[in-house]
Amino acid sequence: MPSRPRTAALSGRGGGAGPGASPAPPDERAYLFHLARQRPRDADKHATVAPPPLARLVADLSPLPAILMNHRYGLLAWNGEMARLLLDFDTLAPSRRNAMWLCLMRREMREFPVDRERVVWEGIAHLRAAGAAHPTSSW
C-alpha cells in the first residue's frame, strides 16, 4: 500500500499536525514546497509597507478611491481620493493606520459604514482568523 504524502510538512509541521509536533527541517520543507510548486509563507513576516508596484497600482486607480491593507487591516497605501472620502491617513501616526481601529475609535469612521455592526463583527472574525493563521506574528 503506497504511503500518503506528508501534507502537514508543507504547513510547517512535521509528522502529525497535533500540538507539540515538530516542524520539518528547513531543507525538507523547502524541497516539499518546490515539489508542490508553491512558495512557503513566512509566518513571522507581515507587510507593513506597500511593495512599490502595489503602491503604484493604488495611485493609478485614481480617480477611483483605492486603499491597500494587510491581513491585519493595516493601511499600506491609499490614493488621494480615498483620503478625501474617509480621512487624511497621512495625518495619522503609523500605529493608528489600521482600518479596524479607525472603525471602532474614530467618530467620523464609526458613522461611515451603513451596516456598522456587521462590518465590525466580520472584521473581528477576520482578525481572529488572521491571528490563527499567523500565530508567531507580533500583534
N, C-alpha and C. Protein backbone atom coordinates (compact mmCIF):
# COMPACT_ATOMS: atom_id res chain seq x y z
N MET A 1 0.85 -1.17 0.00
CA MET A 1 0.00 0.00 0.00
C MET A 1 0.90 1.24 0.00
N PRO A 2 0.72 2.16 -0.96
CA PRO A 2 1.57 3.35 -1.01
C PRO A 2 1.27 4.27 0.17
N SER A 3 2.31 4.92 0.64
CA SER A 3 2.12 5.84 1.76
C SER A 3 1.53 7.16 1.27
N ARG A 4 0.82 7.82 2.14
CA ARG A 4 0.22 9.11 1.81
C ARG A 4 1.27 10.20 1.94
N PRO A 5 1.20 11.24 1.10
CA PRO A 5 2.17 12.33 1.23
C PRO A 5 1.98 13.07 2.55
N ARG A 6 3.05 13.62 3.03
CA ARG A 6 3.02 14.37 4.29
C ARG A 6 2.66 15.81 4.01
N THR A 7 1.39 16.09 3.87
CA THR A 7 0.97 17.46 3.61
C THR A 7 1.16 18.34 4.83
N ALA A 8 1.22 17.75 6.01
CA ALA A 8 1.43 18.55 7.20
C ALA A 8 2.79 19.23 7.16
N ALA A 9 3.76 18.61 6.49
CA ALA A 9 5.08 19.22 6.40
C ALA A 9 5.04 20.51 5.60
N LEU A 10 4.12 20.60 4.64
CA LEU A 10 4.02 21.82 3.85
C LEU A 10 3.54 22.99 4.68
N SER A 11 2.79 22.73 5.69
CA SER A 11 2.32 23.82 6.53
C SER A 11 3.30 24.14 7.64
N GLY A 12 4.45 23.46 7.63
CA GLY A 12 5.46 23.75 8.63
C GLY A 12 5.44 22.81 9.80
N ARG A 13 4.60 21.79 9.75
CA ARG A 13 4.53 20.83 10.84
C ARG A 13 5.07 19.50 10.34
N GLY A 14 5.91 18.92 11.11
CA GLY A 14 6.42 17.61 10.75
C GLY A 14 5.55 16.52 11.33
N GLY A 15 5.59 15.34 10.74
CA GLY A 15 4.84 14.21 11.27
C GLY A 15 3.37 14.52 11.39
N GLY A 16 2.87 14.46 12.61
CA GLY A 16 1.47 14.77 12.85
C GLY A 16 1.24 16.26 12.97
N ALA A 17 -0.01 16.63 12.87
CA ALA A 17 -0.34 18.05 12.94
C ALA A 17 -0.83 18.44 14.32
N GLY A 18 -0.66 17.55 15.30
CA GLY A 18 -1.17 17.83 16.63
C GLY A 18 -0.30 18.79 17.40
N PRO A 19 -0.75 19.18 18.58
CA PRO A 19 0.03 20.09 19.41
C PRO A 19 1.39 19.51 19.74
N GLY A 20 2.39 20.34 19.71
CA GLY A 20 3.73 19.90 20.05
C GLY A 20 4.47 19.22 18.92
N ALA A 21 3.85 19.12 17.75
CA ALA A 21 4.51 18.48 16.61
C ALA A 21 5.69 19.35 16.19
N SER A 22 6.79 18.71 15.87
CA SER A 22 7.98 19.48 15.47
C SER A 22 7.91 19.79 13.98
N PRO A 23 8.41 20.97 13.59
CA PRO A 23 8.38 21.34 12.17
C PRO A 23 9.37 20.50 11.37
N ALA A 24 9.09 20.39 10.09
CA ALA A 24 10.01 19.69 9.19
C ALA A 24 11.31 20.48 9.13
N PRO A 25 12.43 19.80 8.96
CA PRO A 25 13.70 20.53 8.81
C PRO A 25 13.59 21.50 7.63
N PRO A 26 14.27 22.66 7.70
CA PRO A 26 14.14 23.67 6.65
C PRO A 26 14.42 23.16 5.24
N ASP A 27 15.44 22.31 5.08
CA ASP A 27 15.74 21.82 3.74
C ASP A 27 14.64 20.89 3.21
N GLU A 28 14.06 20.07 4.09
CA GLU A 28 12.96 19.18 3.68
C GLU A 28 11.73 20.01 3.34
N ARG A 29 11.47 21.01 4.15
CA ARG A 29 10.31 21.88 3.93
C ARG A 29 10.46 22.61 2.59
N ALA A 30 11.64 23.16 2.31
CA ALA A 30 11.89 23.86 1.05
C ALA A 30 11.72 22.91 -0.13
N TYR A 31 12.20 21.69 0.01
CA TYR A 31 12.08 20.70 -1.07
C TYR A 31 10.61 20.36 -1.34
N LEU A 32 9.84 20.20 -0.28
CA LEU A 32 8.42 19.88 -0.45
C LEU A 32 7.67 21.03 -1.12
N PHE A 33 7.98 22.24 -0.74
CA PHE A 33 7.36 23.38 -1.40
C PHE A 33 7.76 23.43 -2.87
N HIS A 34 9.03 23.11 -3.15
CA HIS A 34 9.49 23.09 -4.55
C HIS A 34 8.71 22.04 -5.34
N LEU A 35 8.54 20.86 -4.77
CA LEU A 35 7.78 19.80 -5.45
C LEU A 35 6.34 20.22 -5.71
N ALA A 36 5.76 20.92 -4.76
CA ALA A 36 4.37 21.36 -4.90
C ALA A 36 4.24 22.62 -5.75
N ARG A 37 5.38 23.14 -6.18
CA ARG A 37 5.42 24.39 -6.96
C ARG A 37 4.69 25.52 -6.24
N GLN A 38 4.98 25.61 -4.97
CA GLN A 38 4.39 26.64 -4.11
C GLN A 38 5.52 27.39 -3.41
N ARG A 39 5.22 28.60 -2.97
CA ARG A 39 6.17 29.36 -2.17
C ARG A 39 5.76 29.24 -0.72
N PRO A 40 6.70 28.96 0.16
CA PRO A 40 6.33 28.91 1.59
C PRO A 40 6.00 30.31 2.08
N ARG A 41 5.00 30.41 2.92
CA ARG A 41 4.71 31.71 3.51
C ARG A 41 5.58 31.85 4.74
N ASP A 42 6.03 33.03 4.97
CA ASP A 42 6.85 33.31 6.13
C ASP A 42 5.94 33.86 7.20
N ALA A 43 5.58 33.02 8.15
CA ALA A 43 4.60 33.40 9.17
C ALA A 43 5.12 34.50 10.07
N ASP A 44 6.43 34.69 10.14
CA ASP A 44 6.98 35.70 11.03
C ASP A 44 7.00 37.09 10.40
N LYS A 45 6.77 37.18 9.09
CA LYS A 45 6.82 38.47 8.41
C LYS A 45 5.43 38.85 7.92
N HIS A 46 5.12 40.11 8.05
CA HIS A 46 3.86 40.61 7.52
C HIS A 46 4.14 41.99 6.92
N ALA A 47 3.33 42.33 5.97
CA ALA A 47 3.52 43.59 5.26
C ALA A 47 3.23 44.78 6.17
N THR A 48 4.17 45.71 6.23
CA THR A 48 3.94 46.96 6.96
C THR A 48 4.03 48.15 6.01
N VAL A 49 4.58 47.93 4.83
CA VAL A 49 4.60 48.96 3.78
C VAL A 49 4.20 48.28 2.48
N ALA A 50 3.63 49.05 1.60
CA ALA A 50 3.19 48.50 0.32
C ALA A 50 4.39 48.31 -0.60
N PRO A 51 4.49 47.15 -1.25
CA PRO A 51 5.53 47.00 -2.27
C PRO A 51 5.32 48.06 -3.35
N PRO A 52 6.40 48.63 -3.89
CA PRO A 52 6.25 49.72 -4.87
C PRO A 52 5.28 49.44 -6.02
N PRO A 53 5.27 48.23 -6.60
CA PRO A 53 4.30 48.02 -7.70
C PRO A 53 2.84 48.13 -7.23
N LEU A 54 2.55 47.66 -6.00
CA LEU A 54 1.18 47.76 -5.50
C LEU A 54 0.83 49.20 -5.12
N ALA A 55 1.80 49.94 -4.58
CA ALA A 55 1.55 51.35 -4.27
C ALA A 55 1.26 52.13 -5.55
N ARG A 56 1.99 51.81 -6.63
CA ARG A 56 1.72 52.47 -7.92
C ARG A 56 0.34 52.10 -8.43
N LEU A 57 -0.05 50.85 -8.28
CA LEU A 57 -1.38 50.42 -8.71
C LEU A 57 -2.46 51.21 -7.99
N VAL A 58 -2.34 51.36 -6.68
CA VAL A 58 -3.32 52.12 -5.91
C VAL A 58 -3.39 53.56 -6.42
N ALA A 59 -2.23 54.16 -6.66
CA ALA A 59 -2.21 55.54 -7.17
C ALA A 59 -2.82 55.61 -8.56
N ASP A 60 -2.54 54.61 -9.39
CA ASP A 60 -3.04 54.61 -10.76
C ASP A 60 -4.55 54.39 -10.85
N LEU A 61 -5.17 53.92 -9.80
CA LEU A 61 -6.62 53.70 -9.82
C LEU A 61 -7.39 55.01 -9.72
N SER A 62 -6.70 56.11 -9.46
CA SER A 62 -7.32 57.42 -9.44
C SER A 62 -7.99 57.67 -10.80
N PRO A 63 -9.17 58.17 -10.85
CA PRO A 63 -9.94 58.93 -9.87
C PRO A 63 -10.82 58.08 -8.96
N LEU A 64 -10.66 56.77 -8.96
CA LEU A 64 -11.43 55.94 -8.05
C LEU A 64 -10.73 55.86 -6.70
N PRO A 65 -11.48 55.91 -5.59
CA PRO A 65 -10.83 55.75 -4.28
C PRO A 65 -10.30 54.33 -4.15
N ALA A 66 -9.08 54.20 -3.66
CA ALA A 66 -8.48 52.88 -3.50
C ALA A 66 -7.60 52.86 -2.26
N ILE A 67 -7.54 51.69 -1.63
CA ILE A 67 -6.74 51.51 -0.43
C ILE A 67 -6.19 50.08 -0.44
N LEU A 68 -5.01 49.90 0.12
CA LEU A 68 -4.38 48.58 0.22
C LEU A 68 -4.13 48.30 1.69
N MET A 69 -4.60 47.14 2.15
CA MET A 69 -4.44 46.75 3.55
C MET A 69 -3.74 45.40 3.64
N ASN A 70 -3.10 45.14 4.78
CA ASN A 70 -2.53 43.82 5.02
C ASN A 70 -3.57 42.94 5.71
N HIS A 71 -3.17 41.75 6.11
CA HIS A 71 -4.12 40.79 6.70
C HIS A 71 -4.63 41.23 8.07
N ARG A 72 -4.02 42.27 8.65
CA ARG A 72 -4.45 42.78 9.96
C ARG A 72 -5.16 44.12 9.83
N TYR A 73 -5.59 44.46 8.62
CA TYR A 73 -6.26 45.72 8.31
C TYR A 73 -5.33 46.93 8.46
N GLY A 74 -4.03 46.68 8.47
CA GLY A 74 -3.09 47.79 8.47
C GLY A 74 -3.12 48.49 7.12
N LEU A 75 -3.20 49.82 7.12
CA LEU A 75 -3.27 50.58 5.88
C LEU A 75 -1.86 50.73 5.31
N LEU A 76 -1.65 50.19 4.11
CA LEU A 76 -0.33 50.19 3.49
C LEU A 76 -0.20 51.28 2.43
N ALA A 77 -1.27 51.54 1.69
CA ALA A 77 -1.24 52.55 0.63
C ALA A 77 -2.66 53.02 0.36
N TRP A 78 -2.79 54.26 -0.06
CA TRP A 78 -4.09 54.83 -0.40
C TRP A 78 -3.85 55.95 -1.38
N ASN A 79 -4.88 56.27 -2.12
CA ASN A 79 -4.74 57.40 -3.04
C ASN A 79 -5.48 58.61 -2.47
N GLY A 80 -5.30 59.74 -3.12
CA GLY A 80 -5.90 60.99 -2.64
C GLY A 80 -7.41 60.94 -2.55
N GLU A 81 -8.03 60.24 -3.48
CA GLU A 81 -9.50 60.14 -3.48
C GLU A 81 -9.99 59.42 -2.23
N MET A 82 -9.29 58.37 -1.82
CA MET A 82 -9.68 57.65 -0.60
C MET A 82 -9.48 58.54 0.62
N ALA A 83 -8.39 59.29 0.64
CA ALA A 83 -8.13 60.19 1.76
C ALA A 83 -9.20 61.27 1.85
N ARG A 84 -9.65 61.77 0.71
CA ARG A 84 -10.71 62.79 0.72
C ARG A 84 -12.07 62.17 1.11
N LEU A 85 -12.29 60.93 0.75
CA LEU A 85 -13.56 60.27 1.06
C LEU A 85 -13.67 59.94 2.55
N LEU A 86 -12.63 59.39 3.14
CA LEU A 86 -12.67 58.96 4.54
C LEU A 86 -12.00 59.98 5.46
N LEU A 87 -10.68 59.97 5.46
CA LEU A 87 -9.91 60.95 6.21
C LEU A 87 -8.48 60.91 5.71
N ASP A 88 -7.72 61.95 5.99
CA ASP A 88 -6.35 62.03 5.50
C ASP A 88 -5.46 61.12 6.36
N PHE A 89 -5.16 59.94 5.84
CA PHE A 89 -4.39 58.96 6.60
C PHE A 89 -2.97 59.42 6.88
N ASP A 90 -2.46 60.35 6.07
CA ASP A 90 -1.10 60.87 6.30
C ASP A 90 -1.02 61.64 7.62
N THR A 91 -2.13 62.13 8.12
CA THR A 91 -2.12 62.88 9.38
C THR A 91 -2.09 61.96 10.60
N LEU A 92 -2.29 60.66 10.38
CA LEU A 92 -2.31 59.69 11.49
C LEU A 92 -0.91 59.15 11.75
N ALA A 93 -0.64 58.84 13.00
CA ALA A 93 0.60 58.14 13.34
C ALA A 93 0.54 56.76 12.68
N PRO A 94 1.66 56.22 12.23
CA PRO A 94 1.64 54.89 11.60
C PRO A 94 0.95 53.82 12.46
N SER A 95 1.08 53.91 13.78
CA SER A 95 0.44 52.91 14.65
C SER A 95 -1.09 53.03 14.64
N ARG A 96 -1.62 54.15 14.16
CA ARG A 96 -3.07 54.37 14.10
C ARG A 96 -3.64 54.11 12.71
N ARG A 97 -2.82 53.70 11.78
CA ARG A 97 -3.29 53.45 10.42
C ARG A 97 -3.77 52.00 10.30
N ASN A 98 -4.89 51.74 10.94
CA ASN A 98 -5.49 50.42 10.94
C ASN A 98 -6.99 50.60 10.76
N ALA A 99 -7.55 49.95 9.76
CA ALA A 99 -8.96 50.15 9.42
C ALA A 99 -9.89 49.75 10.56
N MET A 100 -9.60 48.67 11.25
CA MET A 100 -10.49 48.26 12.36
C MET A 100 -10.39 49.24 13.52
N TRP A 101 -9.18 49.67 13.85
CA TRP A 101 -9.02 50.64 14.93
C TRP A 101 -9.77 51.92 14.58
N LEU A 102 -9.62 52.37 13.35
CA LEU A 102 -10.31 53.59 12.92
C LEU A 102 -11.83 53.42 12.97
N CYS A 103 -12.30 52.27 12.53
CA CYS A 103 -13.74 52.00 12.51
C CYS A 103 -14.32 51.99 13.93
N LEU A 104 -13.53 51.54 14.88
CA LEU A 104 -14.02 51.46 16.26
C LEU A 104 -13.79 52.74 17.05
N MET A 105 -12.72 53.48 16.75
CA MET A 105 -12.31 54.56 17.63
C MET A 105 -12.54 55.98 17.08
N ARG A 106 -12.57 56.14 15.80
CA ARG A 106 -12.74 57.49 15.23
C ARG A 106 -14.21 57.75 14.92
N ARG A 107 -14.74 58.84 15.44
CA ARG A 107 -16.16 59.14 15.28
C ARG A 107 -16.55 59.22 13.80
N GLU A 108 -15.74 59.93 12.99
CA GLU A 108 -16.09 60.09 11.58
C GLU A 108 -16.08 58.75 10.84
N MET A 109 -15.30 57.80 11.32
CA MET A 109 -15.26 56.48 10.69
C MET A 109 -16.36 55.58 11.25
N ARG A 110 -16.74 55.77 12.50
CA ARG A 110 -17.82 54.96 13.09
C ARG A 110 -19.12 55.20 12.35
N GLU A 111 -19.30 56.39 11.84
CA GLU A 111 -20.55 56.73 11.16
C GLU A 111 -20.54 56.40 9.68
N PHE A 112 -19.39 55.99 9.14
CA PHE A 112 -19.28 55.78 7.70
C PHE A 112 -19.99 54.50 7.21
N PRO A 113 -19.73 53.31 7.80
CA PRO A 113 -20.38 52.10 7.26
C PRO A 113 -21.89 52.14 7.45
N VAL A 114 -22.62 51.71 6.43
CA VAL A 114 -24.08 51.67 6.51
C VAL A 114 -24.51 50.64 7.55
N ASP A 115 -23.91 49.45 7.50
CA ASP A 115 -24.24 48.38 8.44
C ASP A 115 -23.03 48.17 9.36
N ARG A 116 -22.79 49.12 10.25
CA ARG A 116 -21.59 49.12 11.08
C ARG A 116 -21.45 47.85 11.91
N GLU A 117 -22.53 47.37 12.49
CA GLU A 117 -22.44 46.18 13.35
C GLU A 117 -21.92 44.98 12.56
N ARG A 118 -22.42 44.78 11.36
CA ARG A 118 -21.95 43.67 10.53
C ARG A 118 -20.47 43.86 10.16
N VAL A 119 -20.10 45.09 9.81
CA VAL A 119 -18.71 45.37 9.44
C VAL A 119 -17.78 45.05 10.61
N VAL A 120 -18.16 45.45 11.81
CA VAL A 120 -17.32 45.19 12.98
C VAL A 120 -17.24 43.70 13.28
N TRP A 121 -18.37 43.00 13.25
CA TRP A 121 -18.36 41.56 13.52
C TRP A 121 -17.50 40.81 12.50
N GLU A 122 -17.68 41.14 11.22
CA GLU A 122 -16.88 40.46 10.19
C GLU A 122 -15.41 40.83 10.30
N GLY A 123 -15.12 42.07 10.65
CA GLY A 123 -13.73 42.48 10.82
C GLY A 123 -13.06 41.75 11.96
N ILE A 124 -13.76 41.61 13.08
CA ILE A 124 -13.21 40.88 14.23
C ILE A 124 -13.02 39.41 13.87
N ALA A 125 -13.97 38.82 13.16
CA ALA A 125 -13.83 37.42 12.74
C ALA A 125 -12.60 37.26 11.84
N HIS A 126 -12.40 38.21 10.93
CA HIS A 126 -11.23 38.14 10.05
C HIS A 126 -9.94 38.26 10.86
N LEU A 127 -9.90 39.17 11.82
CA LEU A 127 -8.70 39.32 12.64
C LEU A 127 -8.41 38.08 13.46
N ARG A 128 -9.45 37.42 13.95
CA ARG A 128 -9.25 36.16 14.70
C ARG A 128 -8.67 35.09 13.78
N ALA A 129 -9.20 35.01 12.57
CA ALA A 129 -8.69 34.03 11.60
C ALA A 129 -7.25 34.36 11.21
N ALA A 130 -6.96 35.64 11.02
CA ALA A 130 -5.59 36.04 10.68
C ALA A 130 -4.64 35.72 11.82
N GLY A 131 -5.09 35.92 13.05
CA GLY A 131 -4.26 35.58 14.20
C GLY A 131 -3.98 34.09 14.28
N ALA A 132 -4.97 33.28 13.94
CA ALA A 132 -4.76 31.83 13.95
C ALA A 132 -3.83 31.40 12.81
N ALA A 133 -3.93 32.07 11.68
CA ALA A 133 -3.09 31.72 10.52
C ALA A 133 -1.65 32.21 10.70
N HIS A 134 -1.44 33.20 11.54
CA HIS A 134 -0.11 33.78 11.76
C HIS A 134 0.18 33.78 13.26
N PRO A 135 0.28 32.59 13.86
CA PRO A 135 0.39 32.53 15.34
C PRO A 135 1.70 33.14 15.87
N THR A 136 2.74 33.22 15.08
CA THR A 136 4.01 33.76 15.58
C THR A 136 4.17 35.24 15.27
N SER A 137 3.19 35.82 14.58
CA SER A 137 3.26 37.23 14.22
C SER A 137 3.07 38.09 15.47
N SER A 138 3.86 39.15 15.57
CA SER A 138 3.68 40.06 16.71
C SER A 138 2.53 41.00 16.39
N TRP A 139 1.56 41.04 17.24
CA TRP A 139 0.37 41.88 17.03
C TRP A 139 0.50 43.08 17.90
